[in-house]
Amino acid sequence: MHTEWEEQWRVELSALRAHDLWRELQVLQPVPERGPPAFMGAQGEPLLSFASNDYLGLSAEPALRDAAIAEIQQNGVGAGAAPLLGGERPAHAALASALAHWLGVEAVLLFGSGYLANLGVISALVGRGDRVYADRLNHASLVDGVRLSGARLHRYRHGDMTHLAQWLERGGRGQAWIITDGVFSMDGDIAPLPELAALAQQYGAGIILDEAHAFGVLGLEGKGTVAHWNMNLHEVDVIMGTLGKAFGVYGAFVAGSQDLVDILRNRARSFIYHTALPSALAVAALAALDLLRHGDARRERLTQHRQHLRAQVPDAPWLASETPIQGLLLGDARRALTVSAQLRRAGLYCPAVRPPTVPADSARLRITLSASHSHDDIELLAAALRGIL
């Protein structure tokens, strides 16, 4: 080991500690009697989590568990190979077909994770000489996908259609792509998709839409941002979704035309060279899809939780959001850590989110609500926040 590298690492780690940006893993054990959002911390302390992306509370549903167990008993655990080299199973094909039918698209391609999907999609479709126009608050995987593609990146101010139009008006060589989250993961607000689609049509740009935090939560049958705005699905060229958030499982998919899926299957390196998802996860996601499609009561519960929380703590520095992601803007990283620690002592798990995950001076608590939370859970959180803020 090169000791000079280790010394440089130590300097960097010391700087992270000094600026309250140090990160470490927190081990949480689900409480079997209730399941998420109830956990035990590393010392056995009870914790009620408001940090999960399991928006509909499907991760502990018996239907998902039973489907996964049955698949493992019949076909084993791992796929053992890449999808193109023998790792594809009937469960994968059934899931892709069901997802395509649900969304009303021609085809779907499964990926190992949302991060892999975004890296693969962007690097496969976008190349050097192309232009990418991306919301400044897009997820890191979208930013990294553009970097990998070699395209020229123009970042417009968050949600600012005037700024985006100014960039597009300048034009340039190559294909133009607009890339955006549907629901922004740290702020919880919804992308102005109708305006984005109008600009894309005006300037001949394609749209890549990341629906990781929108599917299951927004729109008819949880179909996401496009359904939320009552838009035509064909106004968006590429749609990415994850199976690890509202679906309560793991994995991801890309939805669109058959030509899109064909080109990704042959070009997307993060698909070609990745080991296929365990088929147990595919059957669990298939079970989740049925619950998600018919999950209006769960989505209504999320709305009620959000409205009640904000009504009970009306003077808190909430970010504008109509989704289960409720950002509590605290600014300073130390302040965010302090409030998070106070909530933890009250038995509530709400980790601080600090730069570089969010911009400088915008540290916050990212409070996420779930249909598995009870009304009493929301009351407990609201009372704690009133006592701290």
Protein backbone atom coordinates (compact mmCIF):
# COMPACT_ATOMS: atom_id res chain seq x y z
CA MET A 1 0.00 0.00 0.00
CA HIS A 2 1.29 3.46 -0.90
CA THR A 3 1.46 5.32 2.39
CA GLU A 4 1.30 8.71 0.64
CA TRP A 5 -2.16 7.78 -0.67
CA GLU A 6 -3.28 6.77 2.78
CA GLU A 7 -2.02 10.06 4.19
CA GLN A 8 -3.98 11.98 1.57
CA TRP A 9 -7.09 9.97 2.41
CA ARG A 10 -6.66 10.78 6.08
CA VAL A 11 -6.43 14.48 5.29
CA GLU A 12 -9.62 14.31 3.25
CA LEU A 13 -11.43 12.33 5.93
CA SER A 14 -10.37 14.80 8.59
CA ALA A 15 -11.75 17.64 6.49
CA LEU A 16 -15.08 15.83 6.18
CA ARG A 17 -15.30 15.49 9.96
CA ALA A 18 -14.35 19.13 10.47
CA HIS A 19 -17.12 20.30 8.15
CA ASP A 20 -19.79 17.96 9.60
CA LEU A 21 -19.90 15.98 6.37
CA TRP A 22 -18.70 12.63 7.72
CA ARG A 23 -20.87 9.65 6.75
CA GLU A 24 -21.18 6.21 8.26
CA LEU A 25 -23.57 3.30 7.98
CA GLN A 26 -26.46 2.90 10.41
CA VAL A 27 -27.63 -0.67 11.03
CA LEU A 28 -31.40 -0.98 11.41
CA GLN A 29 -33.19 -4.24 12.18
CA PRO A 30 -36.89 -4.45 11.24
CA VAL A 31 -39.19 -5.33 14.12
CA PRO A 32 -40.86 -8.62 13.05
CA GLU A 33 -44.12 -7.96 14.92
CA ARG A 34 -44.79 -4.84 12.88
CA GLY A 35 -42.19 -4.63 10.15
CA PRO A 36 -41.19 -1.37 8.52
CA PRO A 37 -41.31 1.44 9.52
CA ALA A 38 -40.52 0.02 12.99
CA PHE A 39 -36.85 -0.83 13.53
CA MET A 40 -34.29 -1.47 16.23
CA GLY A 41 -30.98 0.38 16.20
CA ALA A 42 -27.57 -1.21 16.73
CA GLN A 43 -28.00 -1.01 20.52
CA GLY A 44 -31.49 -2.50 20.42
CA GLU A 45 -33.22 0.87 20.79
CA PRO A 46 -36.63 1.18 19.10
CA LEU A 47 -36.73 3.54 16.13
CA LEU A 48 -39.59 4.66 13.96
CA SER A 49 -38.17 5.38 10.51
CA PHE A 50 -39.09 8.35 8.39
CA ALA A 51 -36.25 7.74 5.97
CA SER A 52 -37.43 4.92 3.71
CA ASN A 53 -38.49 5.13 0.06
CA ASP A 54 -40.94 2.26 0.65
CA TYR A 55 -43.75 4.73 -0.03
CA LEU A 56 -46.63 2.26 -0.26
CA GLY A 57 -45.36 -0.03 2.50
CA LEU A 58 -45.10 -3.00 0.13
CA SER A 59 -41.69 -4.31 1.21
CA ALA A 60 -43.19 -6.35 4.05
CA GLU A 61 -46.33 -7.49 2.22
CA PRO A 62 -46.93 -11.25 2.55
CA ALA A 63 -47.75 -11.53 -1.16
CA LEU A 64 -44.24 -10.36 -2.11
CA ARG A 65 -42.54 -12.53 0.48
CA ASP A 66 -44.50 -15.64 -0.45
CA ALA A 67 -43.84 -15.16 -4.16
CA ALA A 68 -40.10 -14.77 -3.57
CA ILE A 69 -39.91 -17.80 -1.28
CA ALA A 70 -41.77 -20.01 -3.73
CA GLU A 71 -39.47 -18.92 -6.58
CA ILE A 72 -36.33 -19.59 -4.52
CA GLN A 73 -37.59 -23.03 -3.53
CA GLN A 74 -38.24 -23.92 -7.15
CA ASN A 75 -35.38 -22.19 -8.99
CA GLY A 76 -32.71 -21.22 -6.45
CA VAL A 77 -31.40 -17.79 -5.52
CA GLY A 78 -29.05 -16.18 -8.03
CA ALA A 79 -29.44 -15.96 -11.81
CA GLY A 80 -25.80 -16.94 -12.21
CA ALA A 81 -25.26 -15.17 -15.53
CA ALA A 82 -25.83 -12.02 -17.52
CA PRO A 83 -29.28 -11.77 -19.14
CA LEU A 84 -27.79 -12.32 -22.61
CA LEU A 85 -25.73 -15.33 -21.50
CA GLY A 86 -28.32 -17.53 -19.84
CA GLY A 87 -29.42 -15.41 -16.89
CA GLU A 88 -32.88 -14.58 -18.27
CA ARG A 89 -35.70 -16.50 -16.59
CA PRO A 90 -39.45 -16.77 -17.27
CA ALA A 91 -40.03 -14.48 -14.27
CA HIS A 92 -38.02 -11.70 -15.91
CA ALA A 93 -39.98 -11.94 -19.15
CA ALA A 94 -43.29 -12.00 -17.27
CA LEU A 95 -42.34 -8.91 -15.24
CA ALA A 96 -41.18 -6.96 -18.30
CA SER A 97 -44.39 -7.81 -20.13
CA ALA A 98 -46.58 -6.81 -17.18
CA LEU A 99 -44.76 -3.50 -16.71
CA ALA A 100 -45.12 -2.68 -20.40
CA HIS A 101 -48.83 -3.48 -20.29
CA TRP A 102 -49.30 -1.35 -17.16
CA LEU A 103 -47.65 1.68 -18.70
CA GLY A 104 -49.01 1.19 -22.19
CA VAL A 105 -45.60 1.02 -23.90
CA GLU A 106 -44.27 -1.44 -26.46
CA ALA A 107 -41.46 -2.88 -24.37
CA VAL A 108 -39.52 -2.84 -21.10
CA LEU A 109 -35.93 -3.80 -20.30
CA LEU A 110 -34.91 -4.79 -16.76
CA PHE A 111 -31.73 -3.51 -15.09
CA GLY A 112 -29.98 -4.34 -11.82
CA SER A 113 -30.64 -0.93 -10.25
CA GLY A 114 -31.78 2.57 -11.07
CA TYR A 115 -28.19 3.78 -11.06
CA LEU A 116 -27.19 1.11 -13.59
CA ALA A 117 -30.22 1.92 -15.72
CA ASN A 118 -29.43 5.62 -15.92
CA LEU A 119 -25.76 5.02 -16.66
CA GLY A 120 -26.66 2.53 -19.36
CA VAL A 121 -29.45 4.49 -21.00
CA ILE A 122 -27.64 7.81 -21.25
CA SER A 123 -24.28 6.40 -22.34
CA ALA A 124 -26.04 4.25 -24.96
CA LEU A 125 -28.28 6.95 -26.45
CA VAL A 126 -26.19 10.09 -25.98
CA GLY A 127 -22.71 10.56 -27.38
CA ARG A 128 -19.89 12.99 -27.88
CA GLY A 129 -21.08 15.98 -29.86
CA ASP A 130 -24.60 15.75 -28.44
CA ARG A 131 -26.12 18.31 -26.10
CA VAL A 132 -27.76 17.50 -22.76
CA TYR A 133 -29.96 19.96 -20.85
CA ALA A 134 -30.39 18.78 -17.28
CA ASP A 135 -32.17 20.15 -14.23
CA ARG A 136 -29.60 21.24 -11.68
CA LEU A 137 -31.18 19.05 -8.99
CA ASN A 138 -31.23 15.84 -11.03
CA HIS A 139 -30.15 12.65 -9.30
CA ALA A 140 -26.43 11.88 -9.29
CA SER A 141 -26.93 8.84 -11.53
CA LEU A 142 -28.27 11.09 -14.29
CA VAL A 143 -25.31 13.44 -13.93
CA ASP A 144 -22.87 10.52 -14.00
CA GLY A 145 -24.58 9.07 -17.07
CA VAL A 146 -24.02 12.31 -18.94
CA ARG A 147 -20.39 12.44 -17.85
CA LEU A 148 -19.90 8.90 -19.09
CA SER A 149 -21.49 9.74 -22.45
CA GLY A 150 -19.06 12.55 -23.19
CA ALA A 151 -21.89 14.86 -24.26
CA ARG A 152 -21.84 18.55 -23.53
CA LEU A 153 -23.82 19.21 -20.35
CA HIS A 154 -25.89 22.35 -19.79
CA ARG A 155 -27.56 22.52 -16.37
CA TYR A 156 -30.56 24.80 -16.06
CA ARG A 157 -31.77 26.27 -12.79
CA HIS A 158 -34.12 23.95 -10.95
CA GLY A 159 -37.55 23.99 -12.57
CA ASP A 160 -36.72 27.19 -14.48
CA MET A 161 -38.24 26.80 -17.95
CA THR A 162 -37.09 30.26 -19.03
CA HIS A 163 -33.49 29.32 -18.31
CA LEU A 164 -33.90 26.01 -20.16
CA ALA A 165 -35.41 27.80 -23.16
CA GLN A 166 -32.45 30.19 -23.23
CA TRP A 167 -30.04 27.25 -23.37
CA LEU A 168 -32.05 25.50 -26.08
CA GLU A 169 -32.28 28.68 -28.14
CA ARG A 170 -28.50 28.77 -28.43
CA GLY A 171 -28.62 25.48 -30.30
CA GLY A 172 -25.48 23.62 -31.29
CA ARG A 173 -24.32 20.45 -32.96
CA GLY A 174 -25.62 16.97 -32.37
CA GLN A 175 -28.84 15.65 -30.88
CA ALA A 176 -30.40 17.61 -28.01
CA TRP A 177 -31.70 15.77 -24.93
CA ILE A 178 -33.64 17.10 -21.94
CA ILE A 179 -33.05 14.95 -18.86
CA THR A 180 -35.05 15.30 -15.66
CA ASP A 181 -36.34 13.56 -12.59
CA GLY A 182 -40.12 13.22 -12.44
CA VAL A 183 -40.12 13.72 -8.67
CA PHE A 184 -36.91 15.23 -7.31
CA SER A 185 -35.45 12.91 -4.71
CA MET A 186 -34.25 15.47 -2.17
CA ASP A 187 -36.87 18.21 -2.59
CA GLY A 188 -39.95 16.13 -3.39
CA ASP A 189 -41.35 18.53 -5.98
CA ILE A 190 -42.71 17.43 -9.34
CA ALA A 191 -41.09 18.31 -12.67
CA PRO A 192 -43.11 20.67 -14.92
CA LEU A 193 -43.37 17.96 -17.57
CA PRO A 194 -45.93 19.67 -19.86
CA GLU A 195 -43.62 22.68 -20.25
CA LEU A 196 -40.62 20.41 -20.76
CA ALA A 197 -42.47 18.49 -23.46
CA ALA A 198 -43.48 21.71 -25.22
CA LEU A 199 -39.88 22.92 -25.27
CA ALA A 200 -38.67 19.52 -26.46
CA GLN A 201 -41.10 19.65 -29.37
CA GLN A 202 -40.21 23.23 -30.20
CA TYR A 203 -36.48 22.59 -30.32
CA GLY A 204 -36.43 18.99 -31.54
CA ALA A 205 -35.08 17.54 -28.29
CA GLY A 206 -35.63 14.12 -26.80
CA ILE A 207 -36.73 13.61 -23.18
CA ILE A 208 -35.28 11.11 -20.71
CA LEU A 209 -37.47 10.93 -17.60
CA ASP A 210 -36.40 9.30 -14.32
CA GLU A 211 -39.56 8.15 -12.52
CA ALA A 212 -37.82 6.51 -9.56
CA HIS A 213 -39.79 8.49 -6.96
CA ALA A 214 -42.96 8.97 -9.03
CA PHE A 215 -44.06 5.46 -9.96
CA GLY A 216 -46.53 4.11 -7.43
CA VAL A 217 -47.10 7.54 -5.92
CA LEU A 218 -48.43 9.80 -8.68
CA GLY A 219 -51.16 9.44 -11.26
CA LEU A 220 -53.80 6.90 -12.15
CA GLU A 221 -52.74 3.43 -10.98
CA GLY A 222 -49.48 5.01 -9.80
CA LYS A 223 -48.27 5.49 -13.37
CA GLY A 224 -46.13 8.48 -12.44
CA THR A 225 -45.50 11.99 -13.66
CA VAL A 226 -46.91 11.54 -17.17
CA ALA A 227 -50.22 10.34 -15.70
CA HIS A 228 -50.13 13.04 -13.03
CA TRP A 229 -50.14 15.71 -15.73
CA ASN A 230 -52.64 13.80 -17.91
CA MET A 231 -50.14 13.75 -20.74
CA ASN A 232 -49.69 11.43 -23.69
CA LEU A 233 -47.04 8.85 -22.91
CA HIS A 234 -45.48 9.33 -26.34
CA GLU A 235 -44.48 12.88 -25.40
CA VAL A 236 -41.60 11.31 -23.45
CA ASP A 237 -38.97 9.27 -25.29
CA VAL A 238 -37.38 7.28 -22.49
CA ILE A 239 -38.77 6.43 -19.06
CA MET A 240 -36.79 4.86 -16.23
CA GLY A 241 -38.37 3.37 -13.12
CA THR A 242 -37.07 1.53 -10.09
CA LEU A 243 -38.40 -1.51 -8.28
CA GLY A 244 -36.76 -0.60 -4.96
CA LYS A 245 -38.95 2.29 -3.88
CA ALA A 246 -42.76 2.17 -4.13
CA PHE A 247 -42.50 -1.41 -5.45
CA GLY A 248 -40.71 -2.42 -2.24
CA VAL A 249 -38.28 -4.80 -3.96
CA TYR A 250 -35.03 -4.08 -5.88
CA GLY A 251 -34.00 -3.50 -9.46
CA ALA A 252 -35.06 -1.13 -12.24
CA PHE A 253 -36.47 -0.96 -15.73
CA VAL A 254 -36.54 1.23 -18.82
CA ALA A 255 -39.81 1.60 -20.73
CA GLY A 256 -40.54 2.84 -24.23
CA SER A 257 -40.67 1.71 -27.83
CA GLN A 258 -39.50 -1.67 -29.06
CA ASP A 259 -36.71 0.08 -30.97
CA LEU A 260 -35.55 1.76 -27.77
CA VAL A 261 -35.39 -1.52 -25.88
CA ASP A 262 -33.64 -3.23 -28.80
CA ILE A 263 -30.93 -0.58 -28.99
CA LEU A 264 -30.40 -0.64 -25.23
CA ARG A 265 -30.17 -4.42 -25.18
CA ASN A 266 -27.37 -4.15 -27.75
CA ARG A 267 -25.63 -0.96 -26.59
CA ALA A 268 -26.15 -0.37 -22.85
CA ARG A 269 -23.02 -1.68 -21.19
CA SER A 270 -24.57 -1.70 -17.71
CA PHE A 271 -27.17 -4.13 -19.09
CA ILE A 272 -24.95 -6.28 -21.29
CA TYR A 273 -22.33 -6.88 -18.62
CA HIS A 274 -24.43 -7.12 -15.46
CA THR A 275 -25.67 -10.30 -13.78
CA ALA A 276 -29.42 -10.66 -14.14
CA LEU A 277 -31.67 -9.90 -11.20
CA PRO A 278 -32.47 -12.92 -9.03
CA SER A 279 -35.75 -14.27 -10.37
CA ALA A 280 -37.16 -14.17 -6.83
CA LEU A 281 -37.02 -10.39 -7.00
CA ALA A 282 -38.78 -10.43 -10.36
CA VAL A 283 -41.72 -12.46 -9.05
CA ALA A 284 -41.88 -10.28 -5.94
CA ALA A 285 -41.99 -7.17 -8.14
CA LEU A 286 -44.75 -8.77 -10.22
CA ALA A 287 -46.77 -9.29 -7.05
CA ALA A 288 -46.02 -5.70 -6.02
CA LEU A 289 -47.23 -4.36 -9.36
CA ASP A 290 -50.72 -5.74 -8.75
CA LEU A 291 -50.87 -4.12 -5.30
CA LEU A 292 -49.44 -0.88 -6.64
CA ARG A 293 -51.94 -0.64 -9.50
CA HIS A 294 -54.81 -1.10 -7.06
CA GLY A 295 -53.19 1.00 -4.35
CA ASP A 296 -55.47 4.05 -4.36
CA ALA A 297 -56.17 3.66 -0.64
CA ARG A 298 -52.44 3.62 0.10
CA ARG A 299 -51.89 6.71 -2.05
CA GLU A 300 -54.75 8.49 -0.29
CA ARG A 301 -53.19 7.61 3.08
CA LEU A 302 -49.94 9.21 1.92
CA THR A 303 -51.79 12.40 1.05
CA GLN A 304 -53.50 12.44 4.43
CA HIS A 305 -50.20 11.89 6.25
CA ARG A 306 -48.53 14.72 4.34
CA GLN A 307 -51.35 17.17 4.92
CA HIS A 308 -51.63 16.30 8.61
CA LEU A 309 -47.90 16.59 9.27
CA ARG A 310 -47.63 20.01 7.67
CA ALA A 311 -50.80 21.22 9.41
CA GLN A 312 -49.44 20.11 12.78
CA VAL A 313 -46.07 21.85 12.26
CA PRO A 314 -47.11 24.79 10.06
CA ASP A 315 -44.18 27.08 10.87
CA ALA A 316 -41.46 24.56 10.07
CA PRO A 317 -39.17 25.42 7.12
CA TRP A 318 -40.84 22.96 4.75
CA LEU A 319 -39.83 22.73 1.12
CA ALA A 320 -42.73 22.86 -1.33
CA SER A 321 -43.79 19.29 -2.05
CA GLU A 322 -46.96 17.37 -2.83
CA THR A 323 -45.28 13.98 -2.56
CA PRO A 324 -44.22 11.71 0.35
CA ILE A 325 -40.80 13.41 0.32
CA GLN A 326 -41.04 16.24 2.84
CA GLY A 327 -37.87 18.30 3.08
CA LEU A 328 -37.20 20.29 6.24
CA LEU A 329 -34.65 22.90 5.18
CA LEU A 330 -32.16 23.70 7.96
CA GLY A 331 -29.27 25.16 5.97
CA ASP A 332 -26.29 24.40 8.15
CA ALA A 333 -24.97 20.83 8.23
CA ARG A 334 -24.34 20.92 11.98
CA ARG A 335 -27.86 22.15 12.62
CA ALA A 336 -29.25 19.30 10.52
CA LEU A 337 -27.15 16.77 12.43
CA THR A 338 -28.27 18.23 15.76
CA VAL A 339 -31.97 18.07 14.92
CA SER A 340 -31.57 14.55 13.56
CA ALA A 341 -29.85 13.46 16.79
CA GLN A 342 -32.60 15.02 18.90
CA LEU A 343 -35.25 13.15 16.94
CA ARG A 344 -33.32 9.91 17.32
CA ARG A 345 -33.28 10.34 21.08
CA ALA A 346 -37.07 10.59 20.80
CA GLY A 347 -37.13 7.27 18.95
CA LEU A 348 -37.48 8.75 15.45
CA TYR A 349 -35.04 8.02 12.62
CA CYS A 350 -34.72 11.04 10.29
CA PRO A 351 -31.12 11.25 9.04
CA ALA A 352 -29.59 14.55 8.03
CA VAL A 353 -28.93 15.10 4.32
CA ARG A 354 -25.90 17.27 3.68
CA PRO A 355 -23.69 18.36 0.79
CA PRO A 356 -22.72 17.08 -1.70
CA THR A 357 -26.06 15.21 -1.79
CA VAL A 358 -27.74 18.63 -1.67
CA PRO A 359 -26.31 22.04 -2.61
CA ALA A 360 -24.17 24.00 -0.15
CA ASP A 361 -26.07 25.70 2.68
CA SER A 362 -29.18 23.59 2.07
CA ALA A 363 -28.68 20.75 4.55
CA ARG A 364 -31.99 19.29 5.64
CA LEU A 365 -33.95 16.46 7.06
CA ARG A 366 -35.44 14.43 4.24
CA ILE A 367 -38.59 13.13 5.90
CA THR A 368 -40.26 10.41 3.85
CA LEU A 369 -43.76 9.20 4.57
CA SER A 370 -45.14 5.73 3.96
CA ALA A 371 -48.61 4.22 3.76
CA SER A 372 -47.36 1.86 6.47
CA HIS A 373 -47.13 4.77 8.92
CA SER A 374 -50.12 5.11 11.20
CA HIS A 375 -51.87 8.33 12.17
CA ASP A 376 -50.24 8.00 15.62
CA ASP A 377 -46.81 7.77 13.96
CA ILE A 378 -47.39 11.11 12.24
CA GLU A 379 -48.63 12.63 15.52
CA LEU A 380 -45.46 11.43 17.28
CA LEU A 381 -43.22 12.99 14.63
CA ALA A 382 -45.17 16.25 14.62
CA ALA A 383 -44.98 16.57 18.40
CA ALA A 384 -41.24 15.94 18.38
CA LEU A 385 -40.65 18.52 15.66
CA ARG A 386 -42.70 21.13 17.51
CA GLY A 387 -40.56 20.57 20.59
CA ILE A 388 -37.28 20.86 18.71
CA LEU A 389 -37.70 23.52 16.04
